[in-house]
Amino acid sequence: MLGLVPAAEGKSPRRDAQAQSQRHHHAAPRVQRGRASFYANRFHGRRMANGRRFNRNAAVAASRTLPLGTVARVKNLANGRTAVVTIEDRGPHLRNRVIDLSPGTAAQLGMLRQGVAMVEVTPLRLPDQPG
Protein backbone atom coordinates (compact mmCIF):
# COMPACT_ATOMS: atom_id res chain seq x y z
CA MET A 1 0.00 0.00 0.00
CA LEU A 2 2.79 2.39 -0.69
CA GLY A 3 1.78 5.76 -2.18
CA LEU A 4 -1.94 5.34 -1.57
CA VAL A 5 -3.75 7.95 0.50
CA PRO A 6 -7.03 7.00 2.15
CA ALA A 7 -9.97 8.97 0.78
CA ALA A 8 -10.68 10.56 4.17
CA GLU A 9 -7.18 12.08 4.34
CA GLY A 10 -6.82 13.37 0.77
CA LYS A 11 -8.45 16.51 -0.52
CA SER A 12 -10.52 16.47 -3.64
CA PRO A 13 -9.19 18.97 -6.22
CA ARG A 14 -12.74 19.34 -7.52
CA ARG A 15 -14.11 20.33 -4.09
CA ASP A 16 -11.29 22.84 -3.61
CA ALA A 17 -12.06 24.42 -6.99
CA GLN A 18 -15.79 24.60 -6.17
CA ALA A 19 -15.12 26.23 -2.80
CA GLN A 20 -12.78 28.77 -4.38
CA SER A 21 -15.27 29.66 -7.14
CA GLN A 22 -18.05 30.09 -4.56
CA ARG A 23 -15.90 32.50 -2.56
CA HIS A 24 -15.29 34.62 -5.66
CA HIS A 25 -18.93 34.40 -6.78
CA HIS A 26 -20.11 36.23 -3.66
CA ALA A 27 -17.33 38.84 -3.65
CA ALA A 28 -18.54 42.42 -3.54
CA PRO A 29 -18.54 44.18 -6.93
CA ARG A 30 -15.65 46.56 -7.37
CA VAL A 31 -15.49 50.20 -8.35
CA GLN A 32 -15.58 50.59 -12.13
CA ARG A 33 -14.16 53.44 -14.18
CA GLY A 34 -15.06 54.10 -17.77
CA ARG A 35 -17.35 55.92 -20.12
CA ALA A 36 -21.01 56.53 -19.36
CA SER A 37 -23.71 57.40 -21.84
CA PHE A 38 -27.45 57.91 -21.45
CA TYR A 39 -30.66 56.53 -22.90
CA ALA A 40 -32.36 58.28 -25.81
CA ASN A 41 -35.75 59.77 -24.97
CA ARG A 42 -37.42 57.25 -27.32
CA PHE A 43 -36.91 54.54 -24.65
CA HIS A 44 -39.23 56.35 -22.20
CA GLY A 45 -42.04 53.93 -21.29
CA ARG A 46 -40.36 50.80 -22.66
CA ARG A 47 -39.81 47.81 -20.39
CA MET A 48 -36.43 47.29 -18.76
CA ALA A 49 -34.76 44.00 -17.83
CA ASN A 50 -36.49 44.02 -14.42
CA GLY A 51 -39.94 44.30 -16.06
CA ARG A 52 -40.64 47.90 -15.02
CA ARG A 53 -41.16 50.71 -17.50
CA PHE A 54 -38.30 53.11 -18.11
CA ASN A 55 -38.80 56.67 -16.84
CA ARG A 56 -36.33 59.14 -18.35
CA ASN A 57 -36.44 61.26 -15.16
CA ALA A 58 -35.86 58.42 -12.67
CA ALA A 59 -32.48 57.69 -11.08
CA VAL A 60 -31.97 54.40 -12.93
CA ALA A 61 -29.16 52.91 -14.96
CA ALA A 62 -28.10 49.89 -17.01
CA SER A 63 -25.05 47.75 -16.29
CA ARG A 64 -23.75 44.55 -17.83
CA THR A 65 -22.03 43.37 -14.64
CA LEU A 66 -23.81 44.75 -11.54
CA PRO A 67 -26.81 42.76 -10.28
CA LEU A 68 -30.25 44.22 -10.93
CA GLY A 69 -31.35 46.16 -7.87
CA THR A 70 -27.85 47.35 -6.97
CA VAL A 71 -27.69 50.92 -5.69
CA ALA A 72 -24.56 52.69 -6.94
CA ARG A 73 -22.97 56.13 -6.83
CA VAL A 74 -21.88 57.50 -10.21
CA LYS A 75 -19.28 60.28 -10.20
CA ASN A 76 -18.50 62.39 -13.27
CA LEU A 77 -14.70 62.54 -13.17
CA ALA A 78 -14.57 65.74 -15.25
CA ASN A 79 -16.59 67.91 -12.84
CA GLY A 80 -16.93 65.89 -9.61
CA ARG A 81 -20.74 65.78 -9.67
CA THR A 82 -22.37 62.64 -8.28
CA ALA A 83 -25.70 60.86 -8.49
CA VAL A 84 -27.08 57.73 -6.85
CA VAL A 85 -28.81 55.28 -9.21
CA THR A 86 -30.44 51.87 -9.07
CA ILE A 87 -29.39 49.29 -11.68
CA GLU A 88 -32.65 48.21 -13.32
CA ASP A 89 -31.61 47.30 -16.86
CA ARG A 90 -28.94 45.50 -18.84
CA GLY A 91 -26.56 47.34 -21.12
CA PRO A 92 -24.88 49.40 -22.40
CA HIS A 93 -24.67 47.59 -25.69
CA LEU A 94 -21.52 49.43 -26.77
CA ARG A 95 -18.51 47.63 -25.31
CA ASN A 96 -16.54 50.81 -24.57
CA ARG A 97 -19.16 51.97 -22.04
CA VAL A 98 -19.56 50.83 -18.42
CA ILE A 99 -23.01 52.26 -17.66
CA ASP A 100 -26.06 53.80 -19.36
CA LEU A 101 -27.91 56.44 -17.37
CA SER A 102 -31.35 57.98 -17.57
CA PRO A 103 -31.36 61.47 -19.14
CA GLY A 104 -32.43 62.89 -15.75
CA THR A 105 -29.35 61.41 -14.11
CA ALA A 106 -27.13 62.54 -17.00
CA ALA A 107 -28.40 66.10 -16.45
CA GLN A 108 -27.62 65.85 -12.73
CA LEU A 109 -24.07 64.77 -13.64
CA GLY A 110 -23.71 67.62 -16.15
CA MET A 111 -23.09 65.41 -19.17
CA LEU A 112 -26.10 66.06 -21.41
CA ARG A 113 -24.23 68.34 -23.79
CA GLN A 114 -21.24 66.02 -24.26
CA GLY A 115 -23.33 62.82 -24.41
CA VAL A 116 -20.54 60.70 -22.93
CA ALA A 117 -18.45 61.22 -19.79
CA MET A 118 -15.73 59.41 -17.88
CA VAL A 119 -17.25 58.19 -14.62
CA GLU A 120 -16.54 56.14 -11.53
CA VAL A 121 -19.28 53.70 -10.51
CA THR A 122 -19.21 52.66 -6.84
CA PRO A 123 -21.68 49.99 -5.67
CA LEU A 124 -23.26 51.12 -2.39
CA ARG A 125 -25.81 48.38 -1.69
CA LEU A 126 -26.39 45.02 -3.36
CA PRO A 127 -29.87 43.53 -3.64
CA ASP A 128 -30.85 41.04 -0.94
CA GLN A 129 -29.57 37.57 -1.70
CA PRO A 130 -32.20 34.81 -1.39
CA GLY A 131 -31.79 32.21 1.34
C-alpha atoms as a PDB file:
ATOM      1  CA  MET A   1       0.000   0.000   0.000  1.00  0.00           C
ATOM      2  CA  LEU A   2       2.789   2.392  -0.692  1.00  0.00           C
ATOM      3  CA  GLY A   3       1.778   5.765  -2.177  1.00  0.00           C
ATOM      4  CA  LEU A   4      -1.941   5.343  -1.570  1.00  0.00           C
ATOM      5  CA  VAL A   5      -3.755   7.953   0.502  1.00  0.00           C
ATOM      6  CA  PRO A   6      -7.028   6.996   2.149  1.00  0.00           C
ATOM      7  CA  ALA A   7      -9.970   8.966   0.781  1.00  0.00           C
ATOM      8  CA  ALA A   8     -10.677  10.560   4.168  1.00  0.00           C
ATOM      9  CA  GLU A   9      -7.183  12.082   4.336  1.00  0.00           C
ATOM     10  CA  GLY A  10      -6.817  13.374   0.769  1.00  0.00           C
ATOM     11  CA  LYS A  11      -8.451  16.513  -0.525  1.00  0.00           C
ATOM     12  CA  SER A  12     -10.521  16.471  -3.644  1.00  0.00           C
ATOM     13  CA  PRO A  13      -9.189  18.971  -6.221  1.00  0.00           C
ATOM     14  CA  ARG A  14     -12.737  19.340  -7.518  1.00  0.00           C
ATOM     15  CA  ARG A  15     -14.109  20.329  -4.090  1.00  0.00           C
ATOM     16  CA  ASP A  16     -11.286  22.841  -3.611  1.00  0.00           C
ATOM     17  CA  ALA A  17     -12.064  24.420  -6.993  1.00  0.00           C
ATOM     18  CA  GLN A  18     -15.786  24.602  -6.166  1.00  0.00           C
ATOM     19  CA  ALA A  19     -15.123  26.235  -2.795  1.00  0.00           C
ATOM     20  CA  GLN A  20     -12.779  28.768  -4.384  1.00  0.00           C
ATOM     21  CA  SER A  21     -15.271  29.664  -7.143  1.00  0.00           C
ATOM     22  CA  GLN A  22     -18.049  30.090  -4.558  1.00  0.00           C
ATOM     23  CA  ARG A  23     -15.903  32.504  -2.561  1.00  0.00           C
ATOM     24  CA  HIS A  24     -15.294  34.621  -5.660  1.00  0.00           C
ATOM     25  CA  HIS A  25     -18.925  34.404  -6.779  1.00  0.00           C
ATOM     26  CA  HIS A  26     -20.106  36.234  -3.660  1.00  0.00           C
ATOM     27  CA  ALA A  27     -17.332  38.837  -3.654  1.00  0.00           C
ATOM     28  CA  ALA A  28     -18.540  42.425  -3.537  1.00  0.00           C
ATOM     29  CA  PRO A  29     -18.535  44.184  -6.926  1.00  0.00           C
ATOM     30  CA  ARG A  30     -15.652  46.563  -7.369  1.00  0.00           C
ATOM     31  CA  VAL A  31     -15.489  50.201  -8.351  1.00  0.00           C
ATOM     32  CA  GLN A  32     -15.582  50.593 -12.132  1.00  0.00           C
ATOM     33  CA  ARG A  33     -14.157  53.440 -14.185  1.00  0.00           C
ATOM     34  CA  GLY A  34     -15.058  54.097 -17.772  1.00  0.00           C
ATOM     35  CA  ARG A  35     -17.354  55.916 -20.119  1.00  0.00           C
ATOM     36  CA  ALA A  36     -21.013  56.535 -19.360  1.00  0.00           C
ATOM     37  CA  SER A  37     -23.705  57.401 -21.838  1.00  0.00           C
ATOM     38  CA  PHE A  38     -27.446  57.910 -21.451  1.00  0.00           C
ATOM     39  CA  TYR A  39     -30.663  56.529 -22.901  1.00  0.00           C
ATOM     40  CA  ALA A  40     -32.356  58.278 -25.808  1.00  0.00           C
ATOM     41  CA  ASN A  41     -35.754  59.772 -24.971  1.00  0.00           C
ATOM     42  CA  ARG A  42     -37.416  57.252 -27.319  1.00  0.00           C
ATOM     43  CA  PHE A  43     -36.906  54.541 -24.648  1.00  0.00           C
ATOM     44  CA  HIS A  44     -39.228  56.349 -22.203  1.00  0.00           C
ATOM     45  CA  GLY A  45     -42.039  53.932 -21.292  1.00  0.00           C
ATOM     46  CA  ARG A  46     -40.358  50.796 -22.659  1.00  0.00           C
ATOM     47  CA  ARG A  47     -39.812  47.807 -20.395  1.00  0.00           C
ATOM     48  CA  MET A  48     -36.435  47.293 -18.765  1.00  0.00           C
ATOM     49  CA  ALA A  49     -34.760  43.996 -17.829  1.00  0.00           C
ATOM     50  CA  ASN A  50     -36.486  44.021 -14.419  1.00  0.00           C
ATOM     51  CA  GLY A  51     -39.943  44.303 -16.062  1.00  0.00           C
ATOM     52  CA  ARG A  52     -40.639  47.898 -15.017  1.00  0.00           C
ATOM     53  CA  ARG A  53     -41.159  50.708 -17.496  1.00  0.00           C
ATOM     54  CA  PHE A  54     -38.295  53.106 -18.106  1.00  0.00           C
ATOM     55  CA  ASN A  55     -38.802  56.674 -16.843  1.00  0.00           C
ATOM     56  CA  ARG A  56     -36.328  59.141 -18.345  1.00  0.00           C
ATOM     57  CA  ASN A  57     -36.445  61.258 -15.156  1.00  0.00           C
ATOM     58  CA  ALA A  58     -35.855  58.417 -12.667  1.00  0.00           C
ATOM     59  CA  ALA A  59     -32.482  57.689 -11.079  1.00  0.00           C
ATOM     60  CA  VAL A  60     -31.973  54.403 -12.933  1.00  0.00           C
ATOM     61  CA  ALA A  61     -29.162  52.905 -14.959  1.00  0.00           C
ATOM     62  CA  ALA A  62     -28.103  49.888 -17.008  1.00  0.00           C
ATOM     63  CA  SER A  63     -25.046  47.748 -16.290  1.00  0.00           C
ATOM     64  CA  ARG A  64     -23.747  44.552 -17.834  1.00  0.00           C
ATOM     65  CA  THR A  65     -22.033  43.375 -14.639  1.00  0.00           C
ATOM     66  CA  LEU A  66     -23.811  44.753 -11.543  1.00  0.00           C
ATOM     67  CA  PRO A  67     -26.807  42.761 -10.277  1.00  0.00           C
ATOM     68  CA  LEU A  68     -30.249  44.219 -10.933  1.00  0.00           C
ATOM     69  CA  GLY A  69     -31.355  46.162  -7.871  1.00  0.00           C
ATOM     70  CA  THR A  70     -27.851  47.352  -6.969  1.00  0.00           C
ATOM     71  CA  VAL A  71     -27.687  50.922  -5.692  1.00  0.00           C
ATOM     72  CA  ALA A  72     -24.561  52.691  -6.944  1.00  0.00           C
ATOM     73  CA  ARG A  73     -22.966  56.126  -6.826  1.00  0.00           C
ATOM     74  CA  VAL A  74     -21.876  57.497 -10.206  1.00  0.00           C
ATOM     75  CA  LYS A  75     -19.276  60.275 -10.200  1.00  0.00           C
ATOM     76  CA  ASN A  76     -18.501  62.393 -13.271  1.00  0.00           C
ATOM     77  CA  LEU A  77     -14.699  62.535 -13.173  1.00  0.00           C
ATOM     78  CA  ALA A  78     -14.567  65.742 -15.247  1.00  0.00           C
ATOM     79  CA  ASN A  79     -16.588  67.913 -12.844  1.00  0.00           C
ATOM     80  CA  GLY A  80     -16.927  65.886  -9.609  1.00  0.00           C
ATOM     81  CA  ARG A  81     -20.744  65.781  -9.672  1.00  0.00           C
ATOM     82  CA  THR A  82     -22.366  62.637  -8.281  1.00  0.00           C
ATOM     83  CA  ALA A  83     -25.704  60.860  -8.492  1.00  0.00           C
ATOM     84  CA  VAL A  84     -27.084  57.734  -6.848  1.00  0.00           C
ATOM     85  CA  VAL A  85     -28.805  55.285  -9.209  1.00  0.00           C
ATOM     86  CA  THR A  86     -30.438  51.870  -9.072  1.00  0.00           C
ATOM     87  CA  ILE A  87     -29.393  49.287 -11.679  1.00  0.00           C
ATOM     88  CA  GLU A  88     -32.654  48.213 -13.316  1.00  0.00           C
ATOM     89  CA  ASP A  89     -31.615  47.301 -16.861  1.00  0.00           C
ATOM     90  CA  ARG A  90     -28.938  45.499 -18.842  1.00  0.00           C
ATOM     91  CA  GLY A  91     -26.557  47.343 -21.115  1.00  0.00           C
ATOM     92  CA  PRO A  92     -24.878  49.398 -22.405  1.00  0.00           C
ATOM     93  CA  HIS A  93     -24.670  47.588 -25.691  1.00  0.00           C
ATOM     94  CA  LEU A  94     -21.524  49.434 -26.775  1.00  0.00           C
ATOM     95  CA  ARG A  95     -18.509  47.632 -25.309  1.00  0.00           C
ATOM     96  CA  ASN A  96     -16.541  50.815 -24.574  1.00  0.00           C
ATOM     97  CA  ARG A  97     -19.160  51.973 -22.037  1.00  0.00           C
ATOM     98  CA  VAL A  98     -19.556  50.826 -18.424  1.00  0.00           C
ATOM     99  CA  ILE A  99     -23.009  52.260 -17.659  1.00  0.00           C
ATOM    100  CA  ASP A 100     -26.058  53.801 -19.358  1.00  0.00           C
ATOM    101  CA  LEU A 101     -27.912  56.437 -17.368  1.00  0.00           C
ATOM    102  CA  SER A 102     -31.351  57.985 -17.570  1.00  0.00           C
ATOM    103  CA  PRO A 103     -31.360  61.469 -19.140  1.00  0.00           C
ATOM    104  CA  GLY A 104     -32.425  62.893 -15.754  1.00  0.00           C
ATOM    105  CA  THR A 105     -29.349  61.413 -14.110  1.00  0.00           C
ATOM    106  CA  ALA A 106     -27.131  62.544 -16.998  1.00  0.00           C
ATOM    107  CA  ALA A 107     -28.405  66.098 -16.448  1.00  0.00           C
ATOM    108  CA  GLN A 108     -27.617  65.850 -12.733  1.00  0.00           C
ATOM    109  CA  LEU A 109     -24.069  64.774 -13.641  1.00  0.00           C
ATOM    110  CA  GLY A 110     -23.711  67.624 -16.146  1.00  0.00           C
ATOM    111  CA  MET A 111     -23.089  65.405 -19.173  1.00  0.00           C
ATOM    112  CA  LEU A 112     -26.097  66.059 -21.413  1.00  0.00           C
ATOM    113  CA  ARG A 113     -24.231  68.341 -23.792  1.00  0.00           C
ATOM    114  CA  GLN A 114     -21.245  66.017 -24.263  1.00  0.00           C
ATOM    115  CA  GLY A 115     -23.330  62.823 -24.411  1.00  0.00           C
ATOM    116  CA  VAL A 116     -20.541  60.699 -22.927  1.00  0.00           C
ATOM    117  CA  ALA A 117     -18.446  61.218 -19.789  1.00  0.00           C
ATOM    118  CA  MET A 118     -15.727  59.413 -17.878  1.00  0.00           C
ATOM    119  CA  VAL A 119     -17.246  58.192 -14.620  1.00  0.00           C
ATOM    120  CA  GLU A 120     -16.539  56.145 -11.535  1.00  0.00           C
ATOM    121  CA  VAL A 121     -19.285  53.696 -10.512  1.00  0.00           C
ATOM    122  CA  THR A 122     -19.206  52.658  -6.843  1.00  0.00           C
ATOM    123  CA  PRO A 123     -21.684  49.988  -5.671  1.00  0.00           C
ATOM    124  CA  LEU A 124     -23.258  51.124  -2.391  1.00  0.00           C
ATOM    125  CA  ARG A 125     -25.806  48.375  -1.694  1.00  0.00           C
ATOM    126  CA  LEU A 126     -26.394  45.020  -3.357  1.00  0.00           C
ATOM    127  CA  PRO A 127     -29.872  43.528  -3.643  1.00  0.00           C
ATOM    128  CA  ASP A 128     -30.847  41.044  -0.940  1.00  0.00           C
ATOM    129  CA  GLN A 129     -29.566  37.573  -1.703  1.00  0.00           C
ATOM    130  CA  PRO A 130     -32.196  34.809  -1.390  1.00  0.00           C
ATOM    131  CA  GLY A 131     -31.785  32.206   1.343  1.00  0.00           C
END
